Amino acid sequence: MSKLFRRTPSAPLVISILALVLAASGSAMAASKLVSGNSLIKKGSLSGNRLQNHTLSGTQINLAKLGTVPKAGSASISRLTYVTVNGSAPASESFPTTATCPAGTFVIGGGGQVSNFEEGNFFEGDSYPNGTAGWTVDFLNFTTSAVAVTTTAICAPAAATMG
């Protein structure tokens, strides 16, 4: 063990240790001298999608430049129209029904309902808007008899749905 401590380190080992120490201390010095990110960015040069959430305050927003904000829910629920179409899905067939909104209104929702059927043999396939003026429900009847079906469209005045 005494021979191990009597050997002097070789020149390449001393140089590599010195280089390692200098490299580590240089990175530490550089990190301590970094400029804060806020001072690198010119004021007023960022777009809104580059800002962090919840970083703007009322003093930074110019209300005059916002313009008029439309009222939410300008169409009251009392102005909605429900259009219902009743039908009979024939035995062993698929049967689409469409409820169509009155002129001047747009469809905003809808659905379907089955009145009498054999459990597990009748399905409401798809339920979807049919353009902007109707709602369609595809009923699938795997029973041996006709089944009563209802399709409903929920319609709102056209002006209320335009933004």
Foldseek 3Di string as FASTA:
>chain_A
DVVVVPDDDDPVVVVVVVVVVVVVVVVVVVVVPDDDPVVVDDPPPDDPVPDDPPPDDPVPDDPVVPPDDDDPCPFPPVQKDKFKDKDKAFEQAKDKDKTWADPQKWFDDKDKDWDDADPPFKDFDDWQADPGTMIMIIIGGHHNGITMMMIMTIIHGPVSPDD
